[in-house]
Amino acid sequence: MSEDDEVEKILKKKMGELMKRHANPQQKNEDPYEIVKSMLYERGDEVLSAASVQYPKETRLVVSKLAELIKNRTLNYKISGSELLYIFRSMGLPVSIETTIKIERNGKSLSLSDMLKNEE
């Protein structure tokens, strides 16, 4: 066997190892919620939590479909909280999220409700 054949054999072995590592068999057993959570930003986790409490069955279906799209790399970008909220609302699931409006006055941050109470 020549030196080139040995080098080629070693390269093939290394390529096989790399391909196995990048296949990531752990992702197949990963929880769909964890897959989706890893792609959320800007309050996306809050929206997912609220939806899970308010519509548990429907949220499981949405999460499993989103996880499938993420695994297949059909969905390969991060999902914001407002986008996730839009997905649920477009399906007829009006997920309620607690929202506060903060106003900064004299270096202090006050919620709008507190500010209106103080003016009365």
PDB file of N, CA and C in Angstrom:
ATOM      1  N   MET A   1       0.857  -1.172   0.000  1.00  0.00           N
ATOM      2  CA  MET A   1       0.000   0.000   0.000  1.00  0.00           C
ATOM      3  C   MET A   1       0.902   1.233   0.000  1.00  0.00           C
ATOM      4  N   SER A   2       0.579   2.177  -0.889  1.00  0.00           N
ATOM      5  CA  SER A   2       1.409   3.368  -1.000  1.00  0.00           C
ATOM      6  C   SER A   2       1.040   4.380   0.085  1.00  0.00           C
ATOM      7  N   GLU A   3       1.879   5.383   0.200  1.00  0.00           N
ATOM      8  CA  GLU A   3       1.652   6.431   1.204  1.00  0.00           C
ATOM      9  C   GLU A   3       0.386   7.209   0.889  1.00  0.00           C
ATOM     10  N   ASP A   4       0.078   7.425  -0.381  1.00  0.00           N
ATOM     11  CA  ASP A   4      -1.144   8.137  -0.786  1.00  0.00           C
ATOM     12  C   ASP A   4      -2.390   7.355  -0.377  1.00  0.00           C
ATOM     13  N   ASP A   5      -2.335   6.033  -0.514  1.00  0.00           N
ATOM     14  CA  ASP A   5      -3.472   5.199  -0.121  1.00  0.00           C
ATOM     15  C   ASP A   5      -3.720   5.286   1.386  1.00  0.00           C
ATOM     16  N   GLU A   6      -2.642   5.304   2.165  1.00  0.00           N
ATOM     17  CA  GLU A   6      -2.770   5.409   3.613  1.00  0.00           C
ATOM     18  C   GLU A   6      -3.364   6.759   4.012  1.00  0.00           C
ATOM     19  N   VAL A   7      -2.895   7.823   3.367  1.00  0.00           N
ATOM     20  CA  VAL A   7      -3.409   9.165   3.656  1.00  0.00           C
ATOM     21  C   VAL A   7      -4.889   9.241   3.302  1.00  0.00           C
ATOM     22  N   GLU A   8      -5.254   8.667   2.174  1.00  0.00           N
ATOM     23  CA  GLU A   8      -6.654   8.681   1.751  1.00  0.00           C
ATOM     24  C   GLU A   8      -7.528   7.889   2.728  1.00  0.00           C
ATOM     25  N   LYS A   9      -7.025   6.765   3.225  1.00  0.00           N
ATOM     26  CA  LYS A   9      -7.747   5.952   4.188  1.00  0.00           C
ATOM     27  C   LYS A   9      -7.970   6.720   5.492  1.00  0.00           C
ATOM     28  N   ILE A  10      -6.934   7.418   5.951  1.00  0.00           N
ATOM     29  CA  ILE A  10      -7.036   8.223   7.179  1.00  0.00           C
ATOM     30  C   ILE A  10      -8.033   9.365   6.985  1.00  0.00           C
ATOM     31  N   LEU A  11      -7.977  10.019   5.821  1.00  0.00           N
ATOM     32  CA  LEU A  11      -8.905  11.115   5.540  1.00  0.00           C
ATOM     33  C   LEU A  11     -10.349  10.623   5.521  1.00  0.00           C
ATOM     34  N   LYS A  12     -10.599   9.471   4.915  1.00  0.00           N
ATOM     35  CA  LYS A  12     -11.952   8.916   4.879  1.00  0.00           C
ATOM     36  C   LYS A  12     -12.454   8.624   6.292  1.00  0.00           C
ATOM     37  N   LYS A  13     -11.555   8.066   7.115  1.00  0.00           N
ATOM     38  CA  LYS A  13     -11.931   7.758   8.498  1.00  0.00           C
ATOM     39  C   LYS A  13     -12.284   9.038   9.250  1.00  0.00           C
ATOM     40  N   LYS A  14     -11.473  10.077   9.094  1.00  0.00           N
ATOM     41  CA  LYS A  14     -11.727  11.356   9.777  1.00  0.00           C
ATOM     42  C   LYS A  14     -13.024  11.986   9.286  1.00  0.00           C
ATOM     43  N   MET A  15     -13.293  11.916   7.983  1.00  0.00           N
ATOM     44  CA  MET A  15     -14.532  12.479   7.432  1.00  0.00           C
ATOM     45  C   MET A  15     -15.747  11.748   7.998  1.00  0.00           C
ATOM     46  N   GLY A  16     -15.633  10.427   8.136  1.00  0.00           N
ATOM     47  CA  GLY A  16     -16.724   9.653   8.729  1.00  0.00           C
ATOM     48  C   GLY A  16     -17.003  10.073  10.158  1.00  0.00           C
ATOM     49  N   GLU A  17     -15.932  10.293  10.925  1.00  0.00           N
ATOM     50  CA  GLU A  17     -16.098  10.735  12.312  1.00  0.00           C
ATOM     51  C   GLU A  17     -16.746  12.106  12.382  1.00  0.00           C
ATOM     52  N   LEU A  18     -16.318  13.007  11.508  1.00  0.00           N
ATOM     53  CA  LEU A  18     -16.902  14.348  11.491  1.00  0.00           C
ATOM     54  C   LEU A  18     -18.384  14.306  11.124  1.00  0.00           C
ATOM     55  N   MET A  19     -18.720  13.486  10.152  1.00  0.00           N
ATOM     56  CA  MET A  19     -20.120  13.390   9.730  1.00  0.00           C
ATOM     57  C   MET A  19     -20.991  12.837  10.859  1.00  0.00           C
ATOM     58  N   LYS A  20     -20.465  11.873  11.615  1.00  0.00           N
ATOM     59  CA  LYS A  20     -21.213  11.326  12.745  1.00  0.00           C
ATOM     60  C   LYS A  20     -21.440  12.386  13.813  1.00  0.00           C
ATOM     61  N   ARG A  21     -20.408  13.195  14.059  1.00  0.00           N
ATOM     62  CA  ARG A  21     -20.521  14.244  15.075  1.00  0.00           C
ATOM     63  C   ARG A  21     -21.560  15.283  14.680  1.00  0.00           C
ATOM     64  N   HIS A  22     -21.599  15.628  13.395  1.00  0.00           N
ATOM     65  CA  HIS A  22     -22.527  16.664  12.942  1.00  0.00           C
ATOM     66  C   HIS A  22     -23.943  16.143  12.755  1.00  0.00           C
ATOM     67  N   ALA A  23     -24.123  14.838  12.710  1.00  0.00           N
ATOM     68  CA  ALA A  23     -25.468  14.274  12.610  1.00  0.00           C
ATOM     69  C   ALA A  23     -26.232  14.502  13.904  1.00  0.00           C
ATOM     70  N   ASN A  24     -25.517  14.608  15.031  1.00  0.00           N
ATOM     71  CA  ASN A  24     -26.080  14.908  16.348  1.00  0.00           C
ATOM     72  C   ASN A  24     -27.282  14.026  16.691  1.00  0.00           C
ATOM     73  N   PRO A  25     -27.043  12.769  17.045  1.00  0.00           N
ATOM     74  CA  PRO A  25     -28.146  11.873  17.375  1.00  0.00           C
ATOM     75  C   PRO A  25     -28.936  12.310  18.607  1.00  0.00           C
ATOM     76  N   GLN A  26     -28.357  13.148  19.465  1.00  0.00           N
ATOM     77  CA  GLN A  26     -29.074  13.611  20.658  1.00  0.00           C
ATOM     78  C   GLN A  26     -30.273  14.461  20.286  1.00  0.00           C
ATOM     79  N   GLN A  27     -30.176  15.201  19.170  1.00  0.00           N
ATOM     80  CA  GLN A  27     -31.251  16.101  18.790  1.00  0.00           C
ATOM     81  C   GLN A  27     -32.541  15.326  18.476  1.00  0.00           C
ATOM     82  N   LYS A  28     -32.440  14.074  18.036  1.00  0.00           N
ATOM     83  CA  LYS A  28     -33.615  13.274  17.721  1.00  0.00           C
ATOM     84  C   LYS A  28     -34.427  12.995  18.978  1.00  0.00           C
ATOM     85  N   ASN A  29     -33.773  12.840  20.109  1.00  0.00           N
ATOM     86  CA  ASN A  29     -34.447  12.543  21.366  1.00  0.00           C
ATOM     87  C   ASN A  29     -34.751  13.799  22.168  1.00  0.00           C
ATOM     88  N   GLU A  30     -34.399  14.945  21.644  1.00  0.00           N
ATOM     89  CA  GLU A  30     -34.565  16.187  22.381  1.00  0.00           C
ATOM     90  C   GLU A  30     -36.043  16.558  22.486  1.00  0.00           C
ATOM     91  N   ASP A  31     -36.384  17.194  23.590  1.00  0.00           N
ATOM     92  CA  ASP A  31     -37.741  17.649  23.847  1.00  0.00           C
ATOM     93  C   ASP A  31     -38.117  18.743  22.845  1.00  0.00           C
ATOM     94  N   PRO A  32     -39.285  18.639  22.188  1.00  0.00           N
ATOM     95  CA  PRO A  32     -39.693  19.661  21.220  1.00  0.00           C
ATOM     96  C   PRO A  32     -39.738  21.065  21.830  1.00  0.00           C
ATOM     97  N   TYR A  33     -40.147  21.158  23.110  1.00  0.00           N
ATOM     98  CA  TYR A  33     -40.178  22.462  23.762  1.00  0.00           C
ATOM     99  C   TYR A  33     -38.780  23.072  23.838  1.00  0.00           C
ATOM    100  N   GLU A  34     -37.788  22.247  24.130  1.00  0.00           N
ATOM    101  CA  GLU A  34     -36.409  22.752  24.227  1.00  0.00           C
ATOM    102  C   GLU A  34     -35.889  23.189  22.860  1.00  0.00           C
ATOM    103  N   ILE A  35     -36.246  22.453  21.830  1.00  0.00           N
ATOM    104  CA  ILE A  35     -35.836  22.830  20.474  1.00  0.00           C
ATOM    105  C   ILE A  35     -36.416  24.186  20.119  1.00  0.00           C
ATOM    106  N   VAL A  36     -37.712  24.372  20.386  1.00  0.00           N
ATOM    107  CA  VAL A  36     -38.375  25.641  20.054  1.00  0.00           C
ATOM    108  C   VAL A  36     -37.840  26.762  20.936  1.00  0.00           C
ATOM    109  N   LYS A  37     -37.669  26.502  22.244  1.00  0.00           N
ATOM    110  CA  LYS A  37     -37.163  27.536  23.150  1.00  0.00           C
ATOM    111  C   LYS A  37     -35.792  28.050  22.718  1.00  0.00           C
ATOM    112  N   SER A  38     -34.985  27.173  22.153  1.00  0.00           N
ATOM    113  CA  SER A  38     -33.649  27.590  21.717  1.00  0.00           C
ATOM    114  C   SER A  38     -33.702  28.572  20.546  1.00  0.00           C
ATOM    115  N   MET A  39     -34.854  28.651  19.874  1.00  0.00           N
ATOM    116  CA  MET A  39     -34.990  29.542  18.719  1.00  0.00           C
ATOM    117  C   MET A  39     -35.811  30.794  19.043  1.00  0.00           C
ATOM    118  N   LEU A  40     -36.164  30.993  20.304  1.00  0.00           N
ATOM    119  CA  LEU A  40     -36.995  32.134  20.695  1.00  0.00           C
ATOM    120  C   LEU A  40     -36.155  33.281  21.240  1.00  0.00           C
ATOM    121  N   TYR A  41     -36.645  34.509  21.011  1.00  0.00           N
ATOM    122  CA  TYR A  41     -36.029  35.696  21.599  1.00  0.00           C
ATOM    123  C   TYR A  41     -37.112  36.742  21.820  1.00  0.00           C
ATOM    124  N   GLU A  42     -36.759  37.829  22.498  1.00  0.00           N
ATOM    125  CA  GLU A  42     -37.687  38.937  22.797  1.00  0.00           C
ATOM    126  C   GLU A  42     -39.023  38.444  23.359  1.00  0.00           C
ATOM    127  N   ARG A  43     -38.997  37.903  24.545  1.00  0.00           N
ATOM    128  CA  ARG A  43     -40.189  37.466  25.272  1.00  0.00           C
ATOM    129  C   ARG A  43     -40.872  36.255  24.649  1.00  0.00           C
ATOM    130  N   GLY A  44     -40.203  35.586  23.748  1.00  0.00           N
ATOM    131  CA  GLY A  44     -40.780  34.392  23.140  1.00  0.00           C
ATOM    132  C   GLY A  44     -41.058  33.308  24.155  1.00  0.00           C
ATOM    133  N   ASP A  45     -40.164  33.182  25.144  1.00  0.00           N
ATOM    134  CA  ASP A  45     -40.377  32.181  26.191  1.00  0.00           C
ATOM    135  C   ASP A  45     -41.605  32.503  27.033  1.00  0.00           C
ATOM    136  N   GLU A  46     -41.881  33.803  27.240  1.00  0.00           N
ATOM    137  CA  GLU A  46     -43.077  34.203  27.988  1.00  0.00           C
ATOM    138  C   GLU A  46     -44.338  33.845  27.217  1.00  0.00           C
ATOM    139  N   VAL A  47     -44.313  34.084  25.909  1.00  0.00           N
ATOM    140  CA  VAL A  47     -45.467  33.760  25.070  1.00  0.00           C
ATOM    141  C   VAL A  47     -45.712  32.252  25.082  1.00  0.00           C
ATOM    142  N   LEU A  48     -44.642  31.480  24.959  1.00  0.00           N
ATOM    143  CA  LEU A  48     -44.768  30.018  24.960  1.00  0.00           C
ATOM    144  C   LEU A  48     -45.316  29.520  26.297  1.00  0.00           C
ATOM    145  N   SER A  49     -44.836  30.077  27.391  1.00  0.00           N
ATOM    146  CA  SER A  49     -45.329  29.678  28.716  1.00  0.00           C
ATOM    147  C   SER A  49     -46.806  30.021  28.890  1.00  0.00           C
ATOM    148  N   ALA A  50     -47.184  31.232  28.481  1.00  0.00           N
ATOM    149  CA  ALA A  50     -48.586  31.646  28.605  1.00  0.00           C
ATOM    150  C   ALA A  50     -49.487  30.765  27.734  1.00  0.00           C
ATOM    151  N   ALA A  51     -49.044  30.471  26.533  1.00  0.00           N
ATOM    152  CA  ALA A  51     -49.833  29.623  25.636  1.00  0.00           C
ATOM    153  C   ALA A  51     -49.972  28.214  26.212  1.00  0.00           C
ATOM    154  N   SER A  52     -48.905  27.709  26.826  1.00  0.00           N
ATOM    155  CA  SER A  52     -48.939  26.365  27.418  1.00  0.00           C
ATOM    156  C   SER A  52     -49.953  26.277  28.546  1.00  0.00           C
ATOM    157  N   VAL A  53     -50.079  27.347  29.306  1.00  0.00           N
ATOM    158  CA  VAL A  53     -51.035  27.364  30.417  1.00  0.00           C
ATOM    159  C   VAL A  53     -52.463  27.539  29.893  1.00  0.00           C
ATOM    160  N   GLN A  54     -52.640  28.440  28.931  1.00  0.00           N
ATOM    161  CA  GLN A  54     -53.975  28.779  28.446  1.00  0.00           C
ATOM    162  C   GLN A  54     -54.535  27.756  27.455  1.00  0.00           C
ATOM    163  N   TYR A  55     -53.677  27.191  26.608  1.00  0.00           N
ATOM    164  CA  TYR A  55     -54.107  26.231  25.584  1.00  0.00           C
ATOM    165  C   TYR A  55     -53.103  25.072  25.503  1.00  0.00           C
ATOM    166  N   PRO A  56     -53.088  24.177  26.502  1.00  0.00           N
ATOM    167  CA  PRO A  56     -52.047  23.142  26.547  1.00  0.00           C
ATOM    168  C   PRO A  56     -52.047  22.180  25.355  1.00  0.00           C
ATOM    169  N   LYS A  57     -53.202  21.680  24.948  1.00  0.00           N
ATOM    170  CA  LYS A  57     -53.255  20.723  23.837  1.00  0.00           C
ATOM    171  C   LYS A  57     -52.810  21.365  22.530  1.00  0.00           C
ATOM    172  N   GLU A  58     -53.346  22.541  22.257  1.00  0.00           N
ATOM    173  CA  GLU A  58     -53.039  23.232  21.017  1.00  0.00           C
ATOM    174  C   GLU A  58     -51.567  23.646  20.972  1.00  0.00           C
ATOM    175  N   THR A  59     -51.035  24.064  22.124  1.00  0.00           N
ATOM    176  CA  THR A  59     -49.636  24.485  22.188  1.00  0.00           C
ATOM    177  C   THR A  59     -48.715  23.304  21.904  1.00  0.00           C
ATOM    178  N   ARG A  60     -49.064  22.125  22.421  1.00  0.00           N
ATOM    179  CA  ARG A  60     -48.255  20.933  22.129  1.00  0.00           C
ATOM    180  C   ARG A  60     -48.183  20.674  20.634  1.00  0.00           C
ATOM    181  N   LEU A  61     -49.313  20.842  19.941  1.00  0.00           N
ATOM    182  CA  LEU A  61     -49.335  20.634  18.488  1.00  0.00           C
ATOM    183  C   LEU A  61     -48.475  21.663  17.764  1.00  0.00           C
ATOM    184  N   VAL A  62     -48.606  22.928  18.152  1.00  0.00           N
ATOM    185  CA  VAL A  62     -47.830  23.998  17.531  1.00  0.00           C
ATOM    186  C   VAL A  62     -46.342  23.784  17.775  1.00  0.00           C
ATOM    187  N   VAL A  63     -45.992  23.449  19.006  1.00  0.00           N
ATOM    188  CA  VAL A  63     -44.583  23.244  19.363  1.00  0.00           C
ATOM    189  C   VAL A  63     -43.998  22.064  18.597  1.00  0.00           C
ATOM    190  N   SER A  64     -44.751  20.974  18.493  1.00  0.00           N
ATOM    191  CA  SER A  64     -44.221  19.806  17.773  1.00  0.00           C
ATOM    192  C   SER A  64     -44.005  20.131  16.302  1.00  0.00           C
ATOM    193  N   LYS A  65     -44.912  20.900  15.706  1.00  0.00           N
ATOM    194  CA  LYS A  65     -44.744  21.280  14.289  1.00  0.00           C
ATOM    195  C   LYS A  65     -43.565  22.234  14.114  1.00  0.00           C
ATOM    196  N   LEU A  66     -43.436  23.221  15.012  1.00  0.00           N
ATOM    197  CA  LEU A  66     -42.295  24.141  14.929  1.00  0.00           C
ATOM    198  C   LEU A  66     -40.977  23.398  15.121  1.00  0.00           C
ATOM    199  N   ALA A  67     -40.952  22.449  16.070  1.00  0.00           N
ATOM    200  CA  ALA A  67     -39.731  21.660  16.312  1.00  0.00           C
ATOM    201  C   ALA A  67     -39.368  20.842  15.074  1.00  0.00           C
ATOM    202  N   GLU A  68     -40.372  20.292  14.430  1.00  0.00           N
ATOM    203  CA  GLU A  68     -40.135  19.520  13.203  1.00  0.00           C
ATOM    204  C   GLU A  68     -39.551  20.420  12.111  1.00  0.00           C
ATOM    205  N   LEU A  69     -40.105  21.627  11.960  1.00  0.00           N
ATOM    206  CA  LEU A  69     -39.590  22.568  10.961  1.00  0.00           C
ATOM    207  C   LEU A  69     -38.160  22.997  11.275  1.00  0.00           C
ATOM    208  N   ILE A  70     -37.858  23.158  12.549  1.00  0.00           N
ATOM    209  CA  ILE A  70     -36.505  23.545  12.962  1.00  0.00           C
ATOM    210  C   ILE A  70     -35.533  22.402  12.697  1.00  0.00           C
ATOM    211  N   LYS A  71     -35.933  21.176  13.037  1.00  0.00           N
ATOM    212  CA  LYS A  71     -35.066  20.018  12.800  1.00  0.00           C
ATOM    213  C   LYS A  71     -34.769  19.824  11.317  1.00  0.00           C
ATOM    214  N   ASN A  72     -35.797  20.032  10.491  1.00  0.00           N
ATOM    215  CA  ASN A  72     -35.631  19.869   9.041  1.00  0.00           C
ATOM    216  C   ASN A  72     -34.945  21.064   8.390  1.00  0.00           C
ATOM    217  N   ARG A  73     -34.657  22.071   9.201  1.00  0.00           N
ATOM    218  CA  ARG A  73     -34.020  23.308   8.750  1.00  0.00           C
ATOM    219  C   ARG A  73     -34.869  24.080   7.737  1.00  0.00           C
ATOM    220  N   THR A  74     -36.179  23.819   7.758  1.00  0.00           N
ATOM    221  CA  THR A  74     -37.101  24.628   6.970  1.00  0.00           C
ATOM    222  C   THR A  74     -37.254  25.983   7.645  1.00  0.00           C
ATOM    223  N   LEU A  75     -37.253  25.966   8.962  1.00  0.00           N
ATOM    224  CA  LEU A  75     -37.300  27.183   9.771  1.00  0.00           C
ATOM    225  C   LEU A  75     -35.924  27.339  10.387  1.00  0.00           C
ATOM    226  N   ASN A  76     -35.146  28.275   9.858  1.00  0.00           N
ATOM    227  CA  ASN A  76     -33.752  28.385  10.309  1.00  0.00           C
ATOM    228  C   ASN A  76     -33.415  29.772  10.844  1.00  0.00           C
ATOM    229  N   TYR A  77     -34.407  30.467  11.362  1.00  0.00           N
ATOM    230  CA  TYR A  77     -34.158  31.771  11.973  1.00  0.00           C
ATOM    231  C   TYR A  77     -34.867  31.848  13.316  1.00  0.00           C
ATOM    232  N   LYS A  78     -34.428  32.772  14.130  1.00  0.00           N
ATOM    233  CA  LYS A  78     -35.006  32.944  15.465  1.00  0.00           C
ATOM    234  C   LYS A  78     -36.432  33.489  15.345  1.00  0.00           C
ATOM    235  N   ILE A  79     -37.266  33.156  16.333  1.00  0.00           N
ATOM    236  CA  ILE A  79     -38.668  33.572  16.360  1.00  0.00           C
ATOM    237  C   ILE A  79     -38.851  34.527  17.530  1.00  0.00           C
ATOM    238  N   SER A  80     -39.353  35.713  17.255  1.00  0.00           N
ATOM    239  CA  SER A  80     -39.571  36.684  18.331  1.00  0.00           C
ATOM    240  C   SER A  80     -40.874  36.361  19.059  1.00  0.00           C
ATOM    241  N   GLY A  81     -41.039  36.959  20.211  1.00  0.00           N
ATOM    242  CA  GLY A  81     -42.264  36.769  20.978  1.00  0.00           C
ATOM    243  C   GLY A  81     -43.482  37.250  20.213  1.00  0.00           C
ATOM    244  N   SER A  82     -43.344  38.364  19.511  1.00  0.00           N
ATOM    245  CA  SER A  82     -44.490  38.886  18.759  1.00  0.00           C
ATOM    246  C   SER A  82     -44.836  37.981  17.582  1.00  0.00           C
ATOM    247  N   GLU A  83     -43.829  37.368  16.949  1.00  0.00           N
ATOM    248  CA  GLU A  83     -44.105  36.441  15.854  1.00  0.00           C
ATOM    249  C   GLU A  83     -44.814  35.188  16.364  1.00  0.00           C
ATOM    250  N   LEU A  84     -44.359  34.681  17.508  1.00  0.00           N
ATOM    251  CA  LEU A  84     -44.990  33.506  18.089  1.00  0.00           C
ATOM    252  C   LEU A  84     -46.425  33.825  18.512  1.00  0.00           C
ATOM    253  N   LEU A  85     -46.623  34.992  19.076  1.00  0.00           N
ATOM    254  CA  LEU A  85     -47.961  35.430  19.462  1.00  0.00           C
ATOM    255  C   LEU A  85     -48.857  35.517  18.232  1.00  0.00           C
ATOM    256  N   TYR A  86     -48.322  36.021  17.132  1.00  0.00           N
ATOM    257  CA  TYR A  86     -49.075  36.116  15.879  1.00  0.00           C
ATOM    258  C   TYR A  86     -49.465  34.729  15.378  1.00  0.00           C
ATOM    259  N   ILE A  87     -48.556  33.764  15.503  1.00  0.00           N
ATOM    260  CA  ILE A  87     -48.855  32.390  15.067  1.00  0.00           C
ATOM    261  C   ILE A  87     -50.060  31.853  15.848  1.00  0.00           C
ATOM    262  N   PHE A  88     -50.022  32.018  17.165  1.00  0.00           N
ATOM    263  CA  PHE A  88     -51.131  31.521  17.981  1.00  0.00           C
ATOM    264  C   PHE A  88     -52.425  32.259  17.665  1.00  0.00           C
ATOM    265  N   ARG A  89     -52.366  33.566  17.541  1.00  0.00           N
ATOM    266  CA  ARG A  89     -53.586  34.340  17.276  1.00  0.00           C
ATOM    267  C   ARG A  89     -54.146  34.063  15.891  1.00  0.00           C
ATOM    268  N   SER A  90     -53.289  33.806  14.919  1.00  0.00           N
ATOM    269  CA  SER A  90     -53.780  33.502  13.566  1.00  0.00           C
ATOM    270  C   SER A  90     -54.467  32.136  13.526  1.00  0.00           C
ATOM    271  N   MET A  91     -54.185  31.297  14.521  1.00  0.00           N
ATOM    272  CA  MET A  91     -54.843  29.995  14.627  1.00  0.00           C
ATOM    273  C   MET A  91     -56.123  30.085  15.459  1.00  0.00           C
ATOM    274  N   GLY A  92     -56.489  31.275  15.883  1.00  0.00           N
ATOM    275  CA  GLY A  92     -57.695  31.455  16.683  1.00  0.00           C
ATOM    276  C   GLY A  92     -57.478  31.231  18.164  1.00  0.00           C
ATOM    277  N   LEU A  93     -56.225  31.328  18.613  1.00  0.00           N
ATOM    278  CA  LEU A  93     -55.896  31.150  20.026  1.00  0.00           C
ATOM    279  C   LEU A  93     -55.406  32.482  20.594  1.00  0.00           C
ATOM    280  N   PRO A  94     -56.315  33.258  21.167  1.00  0.00           N
ATOM    281  CA  PRO A  94     -55.931  34.581  21.672  1.00  0.00           C
ATOM    282  C   PRO A  94     -55.147  34.497  22.989  1.00  0.00           C
ATOM    283  N   VAL A  95     -53.865  34.250  22.892  1.00  0.00           N
ATOM    284  CA  VAL A  95     -53.008  34.126  24.065  1.00  0.00           C
ATOM    285  C   VAL A  95     -52.869  35.498  24.718  1.00  0.00           C
ATOM    286  N   SER A  96     -53.142  35.563  26.012  1.00  0.00           N
ATOM    287  CA  SER A  96     -53.025  36.818  26.761  1.00  0.00           C
ATOM    288  C   SER A  96     -51.661  36.898  27.425  1.00  0.00           C
ATOM    289  N   ILE A  97     -50.998  38.022  27.230  1.00  0.00           N
ATOM    290  CA  ILE A  97     -49.685  38.265  27.809  1.00  0.00           C
ATOM    291  C   ILE A  97     -49.781  39.479  28.713  1.00  0.00           C
ATOM    292  N   GLU A  98     -49.211  39.358  29.904  1.00  0.00           N
ATOM    293  CA  GLU A  98     -49.209  40.502  30.815  1.00  0.00           C
ATOM    294  C   GLU A  98     -48.230  41.544  30.284  1.00  0.00           C
ATOM    295  N   THR A  99     -48.731  42.749  30.095  1.00  0.00           N
ATOM    296  CA  THR A  99     -47.915  43.822  29.540  1.00  0.00           C
ATOM    297  C   THR A  99     -48.002  45.039  30.446  1.00  0.00           C
ATOM    298  N   THR A 100     -46.871  45.682  30.682  1.00  0.00           N
ATOM    299  CA  THR A 100     -46.857  46.920  31.458  1.00  0.00           C
ATOM    300  C   THR A 100     -46.164  47.996  30.635  1.00  0.00           C
ATOM    301  N   ILE A 101     -46.637  49.205  30.803  1.00  0.00           N
ATOM    302  CA  ILE A 101     -46.023  50.359  30.147  1.00  0.00           C
ATOM    303  C   ILE A 101     -45.267  51.127  31.215  1.00  0.00           C
ATOM    304  N   LYS A 102     -43.988  51.319  30.995  1.00  0.00           N
ATOM    305  CA  LYS A 102     -43.134  52.028  31.954  1.00  0.00           C
ATOM    306  C   LYS A 102     -42.826  53.419  31.406  1.00  0.00           C
ATOM    307  N   ILE A 103     -42.863  54.384  32.311  1.00  0.00           N
ATOM    308  CA  ILE A 103     -42.535  55.769  31.953  1.00  0.00           C
ATOM    309  C   ILE A 103     -41.433  56.227  32.896  1.00  0.00           C
ATOM    310  N   GLU A 104     -40.428  56.832  32.314  1.00  0.00           N
ATOM    311  CA  GLU A 104     -39.332  57.322  33.140  1.00  0.00           C
ATOM    312  C   GLU A 104     -39.547  58.815  33.389  1.00  0.00           C
ATOM    313  N   ARG A 105     -39.563  59.157  34.665  1.00  0.00           N
ATOM    314  CA  ARG A 105     -39.771  60.556  35.047  1.00  0.00           C
ATOM    315  C   ARG A 105     -38.867  60.856  36.235  1.00  0.00           C
ATOM    316  N   ASN A 106     -38.069  61.886  36.120  1.00  0.00           N
ATOM    317  CA  ASN A 106     -37.135  62.302  37.165  1.00  0.00           C
ATOM    318  C   ASN A 106     -36.189  61.167  37.573  1.00  0.00           C
ATOM    319  N   GLY A 107     -35.752  60.390  36.603  1.00  0.00           N
ATOM    320  CA  GLY A 107     -34.817  59.306  36.865  1.00  0.00           C
ATOM    321  C   GLY A 107     -35.435  58.065  37.470  1.00  0.00           C
ATOM    322  N   LYS A 108     -36.760  58.075  37.655  1.00  0.00           N
ATOM    323  CA  LYS A 108     -37.446  56.911  38.209  1.00  0.00           C
ATOM    324  C   LYS A 108     -38.326  56.284  37.134  1.00  0.00           C
ATOM    325  N   SER A 109     -38.393  54.982  37.151  1.00  0.00           N
ATOM    326  CA  SER A 109     -39.227  54.246  36.208  1.00  0.00           C
ATOM    327  C   SER A 109     -40.520  53.852  36.910  1.00  0.00           C
ATOM    328  N   LEU A 110     -41.640  54.374  36.413  1.00  0.00           N
ATOM    329  CA  LEU A 110     -42.945  54.081  36.994  1.00  0.00           C
ATOM    330  C   LEU A 110     -43.828  53.427  35.951  1.00  0.00           C
ATOM    331  N   SER A 111     -44.676  52.494  36.395  1.00  0.00           N
ATOM    332  CA  SER A 111     -45.642  51.929  35.462  1.00  0.00           C
ATOM    333  C   SER A 111     -46.735  52.967  35.229  1.00  0.00           C
ATOM    334  N   LEU A 112     -47.370  52.881  34.090  1.00  0.00           N
ATOM    335  CA  LEU A 112     -48.413  53.840  33.737  1.00  0.00           C
ATOM    336  C   LEU A 112     -49.550  53.794  34.749  1.00  0.00           C
ATOM    337  N   SER A 113     -49.900  52.601  35.209  1.00  0.00           N
ATOM    338  CA  SER A 113     -50.992  52.480  36.187  1.00  0.00           C
ATOM    339  C   SER A 113     -50.626  53.173  37.503  1.00  0.00           C
ATOM    340  N   ASP A 114     -49.384  53.033  37.971  1.00  0.00           N
ATOM    341  CA  ASP A 114     -48.945  53.707  39.199  1.00  0.00           C
ATOM    342  C   ASP A 114     -48.956  55.217  39.010  1.00  0.00           C
ATOM    343  N   MET A 115     -48.545  55.654  37.844  1.00  0.00           N
ATOM    344  CA  MET A 115     -48.508  57.089  37.579  1.00  0.00           C
ATOM    345  C   MET A 115     -49.915  57.679  37.579  1.00  0.00           C
ATOM    346  N   LEU A 116     -50.868  56.969  36.992  1.00  0.00           N
ATOM    347  CA  LEU A 116     -52.249  57.467  36.956  1.00  0.00           C
ATOM    348  C   LEU A 116     -52.854  57.452  38.364  1.00  0.00           C
ATOM    349  N   LYS A 117     -52.500  56.467  39.190  1.00  0.00           N
ATOM    350  CA  LYS A 117     -52.999  56.425  40.558  1.00  0.00           C
ATOM    351  C   LYS A 117     -52.498  57.611  41.362  1.00  0.00           C
ATOM    352  N   ASN A 118     -51.233  58.007  41.143  1.00  0.00           N
ATOM    353  CA  ASN A 118     -50.638  59.121  41.894  1.00  0.00           C
ATOM    354  C   ASN A 118     -51.231  60.456  41.488  1.00  0.00           C
ATOM    355  N   GLU A 119     -51.737  60.570  40.275  1.00  0.00           N
ATOM    356  CA  GLU A 119     -52.297  61.847  39.809  1.00  0.00           C
ATOM    357  C   GLU A 119     -53.708  62.073  40.317  1.00  0.00           C
ATOM    358  N   GLU A 120     -54.383  61.044  40.790  1.00  0.00           N
ATOM    359  CA  GLU A 120     -55.769  61.191  41.253  1.00  0.00           C
ATOM    360  C   GLU A 120     -55.886  61.966  42.485  1.00  0.00           C
TER     361      GLU A 120
END
